[in-house]
Each structure stands twice: as structure tokens, then as C-alpha cells.
Protein backbone atom coordinates (compact mmCIF):
# COMPACT_ATOMS: atom_id res chain seq x y z
CA MET A 1 46.60 19.60 -17.74
CA SER A 2 46.54 16.37 -15.71
CA LYS A 3 43.28 14.86 -14.54
CA ARG A 4 42.27 14.86 -10.91
CA ASP A 5 42.00 11.62 -9.02
CA TYR A 6 38.52 10.16 -9.55
CA TYR A 7 38.01 9.50 -5.84
CA GLU A 8 38.96 13.09 -5.14
CA VAL A 9 36.51 14.29 -7.77
CA LEU A 10 33.64 12.47 -6.06
CA GLY A 11 34.93 13.26 -2.57
CA VAL A 12 34.96 9.64 -1.36
CA ALA A 13 37.54 7.27 0.08
CA LYS A 14 39.15 4.55 -2.04
CA ALA A 15 37.24 1.93 -0.07
CA ALA A 16 33.87 3.59 -0.79
CA SER A 17 30.96 1.23 -1.46
CA GLU A 18 28.69 1.35 -4.53
CA SER A 19 25.98 3.15 -2.57
CA GLU A 20 28.49 5.73 -1.31
CA LEU A 21 29.72 6.34 -4.86
CA LYS A 22 26.18 6.76 -6.12
CA SER A 23 25.22 9.10 -3.27
CA ALA A 24 28.30 11.26 -3.82
CA TYR A 25 27.63 11.46 -7.53
CA ARG A 26 23.99 12.39 -7.04
CA LYS A 27 24.99 15.35 -4.87
CA LEU A 28 27.51 16.61 -7.43
CA ALA A 29 25.11 16.08 -10.33
CA MET A 30 22.41 18.11 -8.60
CA LYS A 31 24.89 20.86 -7.72
CA PHE A 32 26.56 21.26 -11.13
CA HIS A 33 23.82 20.20 -13.54
CA PRO A 34 23.70 22.63 -16.51
CA ASP A 35 19.98 23.23 -16.09
CA ARG A 36 20.69 24.61 -12.63
CA ASN A 37 23.72 26.58 -13.81
CA PRO A 38 22.79 27.98 -17.25
CA GLY A 39 25.76 29.50 -19.05
CA ASP A 40 28.23 28.46 -16.35
CA LYS A 41 31.06 26.68 -18.22
CA GLU A 42 32.91 25.83 -15.00
CA ALA A 43 29.84 24.06 -13.58
CA GLU A 44 29.40 22.20 -16.86
CA GLU A 45 33.00 20.97 -16.78
CA LYS A 46 32.64 19.84 -13.16
CA PHE A 47 29.48 17.99 -14.07
CA LYS A 48 31.30 16.20 -16.91
CA GLU A 49 34.23 15.46 -14.62
CA ALA A 50 31.98 13.93 -11.95
CA ALA A 51 30.10 11.86 -14.54
CA GLU A 52 33.36 10.53 -15.99
CA ALA A 53 34.66 9.63 -12.53
CA TYR A 54 31.46 7.84 -11.63
CA ALA A 55 31.42 6.00 -14.98
CA ILE A 56 34.80 4.47 -14.16
CA LEU A 57 34.43 3.80 -10.45
CA ALA A 58 30.93 2.34 -10.72
CA ASP A 59 32.18 -0.33 -13.15
CA PRO A 60 34.00 -3.05 -11.09
CA GLN A 61 36.46 -3.95 -13.89
CA LYS A 62 37.33 -0.36 -14.78
CA ARG A 63 37.63 0.53 -11.11
CA ALA A 64 40.07 -2.32 -10.54
CA ALA A 65 42.18 -1.19 -13.51
CA TYR A 66 42.10 2.41 -12.30
CA ASP A 67 43.09 1.42 -8.75
CA ARG A 68 46.10 -0.47 -10.13
CA PHE A 69 47.33 1.72 -12.97
CA GLY A 70 45.60 5.09 -12.48
CA HIS A 71 44.28 7.05 -15.47
CA GLN A 72 46.59 5.16 -17.83
CA GLY A 73 44.82 1.93 -16.93
CA VAL A 74 41.49 3.18 -18.28
CA ASN A 75 42.56 5.46 -21.13
CA ALA A 76 41.56 2.83 -23.66
CA GLY A 77 38.21 2.25 -21.96
CA ALA A 78 34.93 3.80 -22.91
CA GLY A 79 34.41 7.18 -21.38
CA ALA A 80 38.02 7.68 -20.23
CA GLY A 81 40.07 10.58 -21.57
CA ALA A 82 37.25 11.69 -23.85
CA GLY A 83 34.99 13.64 -21.55
CA PHE A 84 31.49 12.48 -20.65
CA ASP A 85 30.07 9.51 -22.58
CA PRO A 86 26.62 8.31 -21.39
CA SER A 87 27.03 4.95 -23.10
CA VAL A 88 29.38 3.75 -20.37
CA PHE A 89 26.46 3.66 -17.93
CA SER A 90 24.75 0.79 -19.74
CA ASP A 91 27.15 -1.60 -18.01
CA PHE A 92 25.83 -1.09 -14.51
CA GLY A 93 22.20 0.01 -14.60
CA ASP A 94 19.75 2.52 -15.90
CA PHE A 95 21.40 5.92 -15.83
CA ALA A 96 17.97 7.53 -16.09
CA ASP A 97 17.42 6.44 -12.50
CA ILE A 98 20.33 8.65 -11.44
CA LEU A 99 19.72 11.77 -13.52
CA GLY A 100 16.58 11.33 -15.61
CA ASN A 101 14.19 10.97 -12.66
CA MET A 102 16.02 13.67 -10.72
CA PHE A 103 15.73 16.37 -13.36
CA GLY A 104 12.64 15.29 -15.26
CA PHE A 105 14.40 13.81 -18.31
CA GLY A 106 12.53 10.53 -18.29
CA GLY A 107 13.98 9.51 -21.66
CA MET A 108 17.53 10.85 -21.17
CA PHE A 109 20.29 8.75 -22.73
CA GLY A 110 17.84 6.33 -24.29
CA GLY A 111 15.92 5.40 -21.15
CA ARG A 112 12.97 3.07 -21.06
CA GLN A 113 10.86 3.16 -24.19
CA ARG A 114 7.18 3.82 -24.05
CA GLY A 115 6.34 1.68 -27.05
CA GLY A 116 5.44 -1.99 -26.69
CA PRO A 117 3.09 -3.84 -24.33
CA GLN A 118 1.85 -1.84 -21.34
CA ARG A 119 0.24 -3.25 -18.20
CA GLY A 120 -3.37 -2.21 -17.59
CA ALA A 121 -4.37 0.14 -14.77
CA ASP A 122 -5.30 -1.16 -11.32
CA LEU A 123 -8.86 -0.59 -10.09
CA ARG A 124 -10.33 -0.05 -6.61
CA TYR A 125 -13.75 -1.08 -5.34
CA ASP A 126 -15.07 -0.20 -1.87
CA LEU A 127 -17.25 -2.99 -0.49
CA GLU A 128 -19.42 -2.68 2.64
CA ILE A 129 -20.28 -5.89 4.49
CA SER A 130 -22.13 -6.68 7.72
CA PHE A 131 -20.41 -7.55 10.99
CA GLU A 132 -21.71 -11.10 10.74
CA GLU A 133 -20.33 -11.50 7.20
CA ALA A 134 -16.94 -10.33 8.41
CA ALA A 135 -17.07 -12.86 11.26
CA LYS A 136 -18.19 -15.85 9.21
CA GLY A 137 -16.75 -15.05 5.82
CA THR A 138 -18.88 -14.84 2.73
CA GLU A 139 -18.95 -14.78 -1.04
CA THR A 140 -20.52 -11.92 -2.93
CA SER A 141 -20.71 -10.48 -6.43
CA ILE A 142 -19.81 -6.95 -7.47
CA GLN A 143 -20.36 -5.00 -10.67
CA ILE A 144 -17.45 -2.94 -11.97
CA PRO A 145 -16.96 -0.90 -15.15
CA ARG A 146 -13.55 -1.48 -16.71
CA GLN A 147 -11.63 -1.05 -19.93
CA GLU A 148 -11.26 -4.28 -21.90
CA ASN A 149 -9.76 -5.16 -25.25
CA CYS A 150 -12.11 -4.32 -28.09
CA GLU A 151 -13.71 -7.49 -29.40
CA THR A 152 -14.07 -6.08 -32.93
CA CYS A 153 -10.38 -5.34 -33.52
CA GLU A 154 -9.02 -7.64 -30.78
CA GLY A 155 -7.28 -4.71 -29.16
CA SER A 156 -5.28 -3.57 -32.21
CA GLY A 157 -7.28 -0.37 -32.72
CA ALA A 158 -7.34 -0.98 -36.47
CA ALA A 159 -10.46 -1.70 -38.50
CA PRO A 160 -11.05 -5.39 -39.35
CA GLY A 161 -8.92 -6.42 -42.33
CA THR A 162 -6.22 -3.81 -41.59
CA GLN A 163 -3.20 -3.71 -39.31
CA PRO A 164 -1.38 -0.94 -37.44
CA THR A 165 1.86 0.20 -39.08
CA THR A 166 5.19 1.13 -37.53
CA CYS A 167 5.40 4.85 -36.80
CA SER A 168 7.52 6.55 -39.47
CA MET A 169 8.74 9.27 -37.13
CA CYS A 170 10.11 7.18 -34.23
CA ARG A 171 10.46 3.89 -36.18
CA GLY A 172 8.49 2.02 -33.56
CA GLN A 173 10.50 3.23 -30.56
CA GLY A 174 7.76 5.44 -29.13
CA GLN A 175 10.38 8.16 -28.57
CA VAL A 176 12.25 10.72 -30.61
CA ARG A 177 15.70 12.00 -29.68
CA ARG A 178 17.25 15.42 -29.97
CA GLN A 179 20.62 16.82 -29.02
CA GLN A 180 20.80 19.43 -26.27
CA GLY A 181 24.39 20.40 -25.57
CA PHE A 182 26.18 17.23 -24.54
CA PHE A 183 22.89 15.53 -23.64
CA THR A 184 20.74 13.37 -25.87
CA ILE A 185 17.13 13.94 -24.79
CA ALA A 186 14.43 11.40 -25.63
CA THR A 187 10.80 12.56 -25.61
CA THR A 188 7.48 10.90 -26.44
CA CYS A 189 6.89 10.71 -30.16
CA PRO A 190 4.25 13.33 -31.09
CA GLN A 191 2.99 11.32 -34.06
CA CYS A 192 2.17 8.02 -32.35
CA ARG A 193 2.06 9.38 -28.77
CA GLY A 194 4.50 6.77 -27.56
CA ALA A 195 2.70 3.75 -29.02
CA GLY A 196 5.37 3.10 -31.65
CA ARG A 197 2.74 2.48 -34.30
CA THR A 198 -0.03 4.30 -36.15
CA VAL A 199 -3.49 3.27 -37.32
CA ALA A 200 -4.50 4.45 -40.78
CA LYS A 201 -8.09 3.17 -40.55
CA PRO A 202 -9.35 3.12 -36.93
CA CYS A 203 -11.79 0.54 -35.65
CA THR A 204 -15.30 2.02 -35.60
CA THR A 205 -16.17 0.29 -32.33
CA CYS A 206 -13.32 1.59 -30.17
CA HIS A 207 -12.36 4.55 -32.43
CA GLY A 208 -8.77 3.34 -32.63
CA THR A 209 -8.10 3.03 -28.91
CA GLY A 210 -8.20 -0.77 -28.91
CA ARG A 211 -10.33 -0.81 -25.76
CA THR A 212 -13.98 -0.44 -24.76
CA THR A 213 -15.77 -0.08 -21.41
CA HIS A 214 -17.78 -3.01 -20.10
CA GLU A 215 -19.69 -3.74 -16.88
CA ARG A 216 -18.40 -6.97 -15.40
CA LYS A 217 -19.82 -9.11 -12.61
CA ILE A 218 -17.03 -10.48 -10.44
CA THR A 219 -17.29 -12.93 -7.55
CA VAL A 220 -15.36 -11.94 -4.41
CA LYS A 221 -14.58 -14.38 -1.59
CA ILE A 222 -14.42 -12.64 1.80
CA PRO A 223 -12.31 -14.50 4.39
CA ALA A 224 -13.61 -14.82 7.94
CA GLY A 225 -12.15 -12.27 10.33
CA ILE A 226 -11.54 -9.50 7.82
CA ALA A 227 -11.56 -5.96 9.22
CA THR A 228 -12.30 -2.47 7.96
CA GLY A 229 -9.49 -1.11 5.82
CA GLN A 230 -8.14 -4.47 4.74
CA GLN A 231 -8.14 -5.14 1.03
CA LEU A 232 -8.32 -8.11 -1.28
CA ARG A 233 -6.31 -8.24 -4.51
CA LEU A 234 -7.93 -9.94 -7.46
CA GLN A 235 -5.16 -10.51 -9.96
CA HIS A 236 -5.72 -9.46 -13.57
CA GLU A 237 -9.26 -8.22 -12.87
CA GLY A 238 -8.30 -4.59 -13.49
CA GLU A 239 -8.26 -2.81 -16.83
CA ALA A 240 -6.87 -4.53 -19.90
CA GLY A 241 -3.31 -3.83 -20.96
CA THR A 242 -2.38 -2.27 -24.28
CA MET A 243 -0.57 -3.88 -27.17
CA GLY A 244 -0.81 -7.32 -25.57
CA GLY A 245 0.23 -6.20 -22.10
CA PRO A 246 -1.22 -7.94 -19.01
CA ALA A 247 -4.32 -6.66 -17.25
CA GLY A 248 -4.02 -4.72 -14.01
CA HIS A 249 -5.36 -5.87 -10.65
CA LEU A 250 -8.59 -5.13 -8.81
CA TYR A 251 -8.28 -4.10 -5.17
CA VAL A 252 -11.42 -4.59 -3.08
CA VAL A 253 -11.28 -2.42 0.06
CA ILE A 254 -13.47 -3.72 2.90
CA HIS A 255 -15.70 -1.63 5.17
CA VAL A 256 -17.36 -3.55 8.03
CA GLN A 257 -20.57 -2.20 9.57
CA GLU A 258 -20.67 -1.55 13.31
CA HIS A 259 -22.47 -4.10 15.50
CA ASP A 260 -25.22 -3.12 17.93
CA PHE A 261 -23.93 -5.35 20.71
CA PHE A 262 -20.29 -6.29 20.13
CA LYS A 263 -17.33 -3.94 19.98
CA ARG A 264 -14.22 -5.16 18.20
CA ASP A 265 -10.54 -4.68 18.93
CA GLY A 266 -8.43 -6.80 16.59
CA VAL A 267 -9.59 -10.39 17.06
CA ASN A 268 -11.14 -9.73 20.49
CA LEU A 269 -14.77 -8.79 21.14
CA PHE A 270 -16.28 -6.84 24.04
CA CYS A 271 -19.85 -6.60 25.27
CA GLU A 272 -21.92 -5.60 28.29
CA VAL A 273 -24.47 -8.05 29.74
CA PRO A 274 -27.35 -6.83 31.96
CA VAL A 275 -27.77 -9.02 35.08
CA ASN A 276 -30.26 -8.90 37.98
CA PHE A 277 -28.91 -7.77 41.35
CA THR A 278 -29.98 -11.04 42.96
CA THR A 279 -27.94 -13.09 40.48
CA LEU A 280 -24.81 -11.10 41.27
CA ALA A 281 -25.43 -11.25 45.01
CA LEU A 282 -26.42 -14.90 45.28
CA GLY A 283 -24.49 -16.29 42.31
CA GLY A 284 -25.99 -18.20 39.43
CA GLU A 285 -25.85 -18.60 35.69
CA ILE A 286 -26.26 -16.01 32.94
CA THR A 287 -26.59 -16.30 29.18
CA VAL A 288 -23.99 -14.44 27.11
CA PRO A 289 -24.56 -13.89 23.38
CA THR A 290 -21.64 -14.92 21.12
CA LEU A 291 -21.02 -15.09 17.39
CA ASP A 292 -21.97 -18.78 17.54
CA GLY A 293 -25.18 -18.41 19.53
CA THR A 294 -25.41 -18.17 23.32
CA GLU A 295 -23.06 -19.37 26.03
CA THR A 296 -23.99 -20.19 29.64
CA VAL A 297 -21.60 -18.63 32.15
CA LYS A 298 -21.49 -19.17 35.93
CA VAL A 299 -21.46 -16.02 38.07
CA PRO A 300 -19.86 -16.41 41.52
CA GLU A 301 -21.70 -15.23 44.62
CA GLY A 302 -21.01 -11.58 45.44
CA THR A 303 -19.94 -10.59 41.94
CA GLN A 304 -19.71 -6.82 41.60
CA THR A 305 -21.21 -4.85 38.74
CA GLY A 306 -18.53 -4.03 36.20
CA THR A 307 -16.82 -7.40 36.59
CA THR A 308 -15.52 -8.74 33.28
CA MET A 309 -15.48 -12.41 32.35
CA ARG A 310 -13.36 -13.88 29.59
CA LEU A 311 -14.76 -16.43 27.15
CA ARG A 312 -11.77 -17.90 25.36
CA GLY A 313 -12.03 -18.61 21.65
CA LYS A 314 -15.36 -16.79 21.30
CA GLY A 315 -14.01 -13.71 19.57
CA MET A 316 -13.36 -12.98 15.89
CA PRO A 317 -11.49 -15.46 13.70
CA ASP A 318 -7.97 -14.48 12.67
CA VAL A 319 -8.11 -13.52 9.00
CA ASN A 320 -4.93 -15.56 8.38
CA GLY A 321 -6.47 -18.68 9.90
CA ARG A 322 -4.55 -18.60 13.19
CA GLY A 323 -7.36 -19.40 15.61
CA ARG A 324 -9.82 -16.97 17.19
CA GLY A 325 -9.75 -14.17 19.69
CA ASP A 326 -11.64 -13.98 22.99
CA LEU A 327 -14.92 -12.47 24.09
CA PHE A 328 -14.91 -10.20 27.15
CA ALA A 329 -18.35 -9.86 28.78
CA THR A 330 -18.82 -7.18 31.46
CA VAL A 331 -21.80 -7.66 33.80
CA GLN A 332 -23.89 -4.63 34.67
CA VAL A 333 -26.69 -4.52 37.26
CA GLN A 334 -30.11 -4.33 35.66
CA THR A 335 -32.51 -2.23 37.72
CA PRO A 336 -36.21 -3.06 37.17
CA LYS A 337 -38.27 -0.07 36.08
CA LYS A 338 -41.52 -1.35 37.63
CA LEU A 339 -42.04 -3.51 40.72
CA THR A 340 -45.00 -5.52 41.86
CA LYS A 341 -46.29 -5.03 45.38
CA ASP A 342 -44.64 -8.25 46.57
CA GLN A 343 -41.33 -7.36 44.91
CA ARG A 344 -41.30 -3.94 46.53
CA HIS A 345 -42.07 -5.42 49.95
CA LEU A 346 -39.23 -7.94 49.64
CA LEU A 347 -36.77 -5.27 48.55
CA GLU A 348 -37.81 -3.01 51.42
CA GLN A 349 -37.18 -5.84 53.84
CA LEU A 350 -33.76 -6.43 52.26
CA ALA A 351 -32.92 -2.75 52.42
CA LYS A 352 -33.60 -2.71 56.17
CA ALA A 353 -31.32 -5.71 56.66
CA LEU A 354 -28.42 -4.34 54.62
CA PRO A 355 -25.91 -1.89 56.14
CA LYS A 356 -26.22 1.73 55.15
CA GLU A 357 -23.99 2.91 52.27
CA LYS A 358 -20.98 4.95 53.26
CA PHE A 359 -19.73 7.60 50.88
CA GLU A 360 -16.23 8.98 51.26
CA PRO A 361 -15.67 11.98 48.95
CA ARG A 362 -12.31 12.23 47.20
CA ALA A 363 -10.52 15.39 46.23
CA HIS A 364 -9.68 14.04 42.78
CA ALA A 365 -11.41 11.41 40.70
CA ASP A 366 -9.41 8.25 40.29
CA GLU A 367 -7.79 8.23 36.87
CA GLN A 368 -8.91 4.63 36.43
CA ASP A 369 -12.55 5.71 36.64
CA GLU A 370 -12.08 8.07 33.74
CA ARG A 371 -10.87 5.38 31.40
CA ASN A 372 -13.42 3.64 29.25
CA LEU A 373 -14.53 0.07 29.74
CA PHE A 374 -12.57 -1.47 26.91
CA ASP A 375 -9.25 0.07 27.92
CA ARG A 376 -9.67 -1.27 31.46
CA VAL A 377 -10.58 -4.73 30.24
CA LYS A 378 -7.59 -4.88 27.89
CA ASP A 379 -5.30 -3.94 30.79
CA MET A 380 -6.82 -6.60 33.03
CA PHE A 381 -6.49 -9.47 30.60
CA GLY A 382 -3.46 -8.27 28.65
């Protein structure tokens, strides 16, 4: 019985790209995989057929020979004319990525070994800082518990004067293999638990693990302008690796306290400044608090309450060092709670001289009035 055309098997055109070949093969592998079709010989044969086709077409040299001479051009090649042979996949990548991860066979066809150096785990630390510290930047120390290499055995797990030995079951591979149908399945070695070695006499300090827990004091530099939710990565300050592997990283997640006066939006700040009615009516100068102290701002005559003034460069620093944002100060009339006799008399005289207020009711409240202060200010200054 003659073989079907490999492109026909995968259902792709002859000009198909590598990604199209891989996608087509994934779909067929999921559909006809023996674990999904137990006892179905036809599905098993189709699975083998698709794997053989992909093994040829995914290899540039074999594909070129097949395109020129057909099946005869690859009969002498690995995997051609002999059914499914997983070894052909070593030429173009980790086959476990295609099937092992998809069906849970992490060690299928001799995938990545668990023995050997392993990178240490990453750690997270949540750090709360004040608004002022976020604005100016700071340096602080934190205490973290972490796993480090045992000082007694220097991370080997073996008692002083002894050494770990190669695991006799997996011969140092960290995995054992067994045949299941036409698959070779690799699983974690039960004797050494994937380490590839065994310890006859464990270290009494770490009990054979090679690591112990220590409290470490670490200095963290906080850049100016940092915001809640941003994180700092401290390389190799996480837990120690195993068998000589590198340490993991420490991620410091920042939480900035709210400020009583300023509200933040990115690098811009917003605030409300109480001002006397006379200053708004006659014009004058007001003092506006900023992150750097106070700033004197001129108020034009006849300024209305709710007017917002922009102080450029008085906002938060950009955490990447690209300048600073702006400060938006909104003036609000400050009504005195108590008046002296003279003050009351003067205000009564002013009230008589001013025109009476006119109120024109509206059927519907203006949508702009319903929006909060900061949204309006952002629209105004864009």
C-alpha cells in the first residue's frame, strides 16, 4: 500500500510555513492521540502517519529532498518508511513542547532532565512607603527569610567528609524511562526524586536538603516617582539554587500611602487651595503648597471659585528620570465661620452694593457638574 502525500496527511499546502506545519500537526496529534482514543488502531495509525509527515516536513533538508523526489527521496532518512521514530525530532527542537506539554508527558522522548543545577525560587516582598518617600526617593532596609545554601555541607546535603553519589536507579539522569506502546515515557526517578544523586549520610544541619532558612537584611533603593503596584527586581536575592544553580530574584512590590492634601494621577498632582473671597474678587497672591515647599501664585481680579491654575514642573518626578509632572491647584472660596462686628458691617455694606443673585432652574443638571474635579481639570489641561 502506497503512502499518502505528507502535505495531504497534514492538510496543508506545499508552501506552508513552519508555524502552519506545527499548527496542523498539533491539531492532528490532539485528535488522534492514543490516550484520547484507547484501543482505536485506526486512530493510532493516523497519529503515527501525522508524526512521520511532520518529522520530514519540519526538517528543511528532508523537506527539500521530499519535494524533489517524493517518498523515495527520504526512504533512507531517519523516520521515513519505518513508522514513527521520535529521534528525528531532535533535529529541529524539543518535541516535548509539541506533545509532552499538551498531554502531560513532561519527560516524553527524553525531554528535559530534572537532574543537575536548578535555579532558586523567586521571592516577593510588599513594601509600604510614604507619599513623600515616593516623591523624593529613598533607601530602606528590609528583613526577609529565605533558603540559602547550608554552610556546614556547602549545599551538598552530605555530612562533612562525605560526598553525594550518583543515583544507581537513574544513573544520574534524574529520570527513569519505560515503554508504553510506541512511546518512551520518562518520569521522575523515585529513588533520588529527580536530583540524579543520593546522600548516604545526610548533613545534620540541613538534614540532607543542602539548604537552611536565614533572615537576611537587604538594602532597597527606591527611585523617586515610584507608584503603587510598581516593583523592583533585586537580582539573585531570592532563594539559593540547588546543586550549584543560581539564586532566584527578589521582587519588591511598592505600596504608596495616600496623601492628605495631594491627589496623584500618573506624574501629575492635584490639590484644592482655600482662598478668601476678597482675594478672588480683587486679585492678589496666594501660597500654594508643593512637594518642594510653597509657591507664590498670582490670582487675577475676578477669579471664580473652582478655577484651576497649573504649576508646571511641580508634580511627581518621572520614575524613569524623564522630568516631572505638573501641579494643578483649584481655588475654593473660604467662608469665615466667625466675623467681628466691623467685618460684618463691611460685608453688609458690600451686600447692599452688589446686585441680587439670579437663579434660573434647569430641568436637568449639566453633565459637567456631575463630573469630579480631577476629571474636569484633566480635560481642561489635556
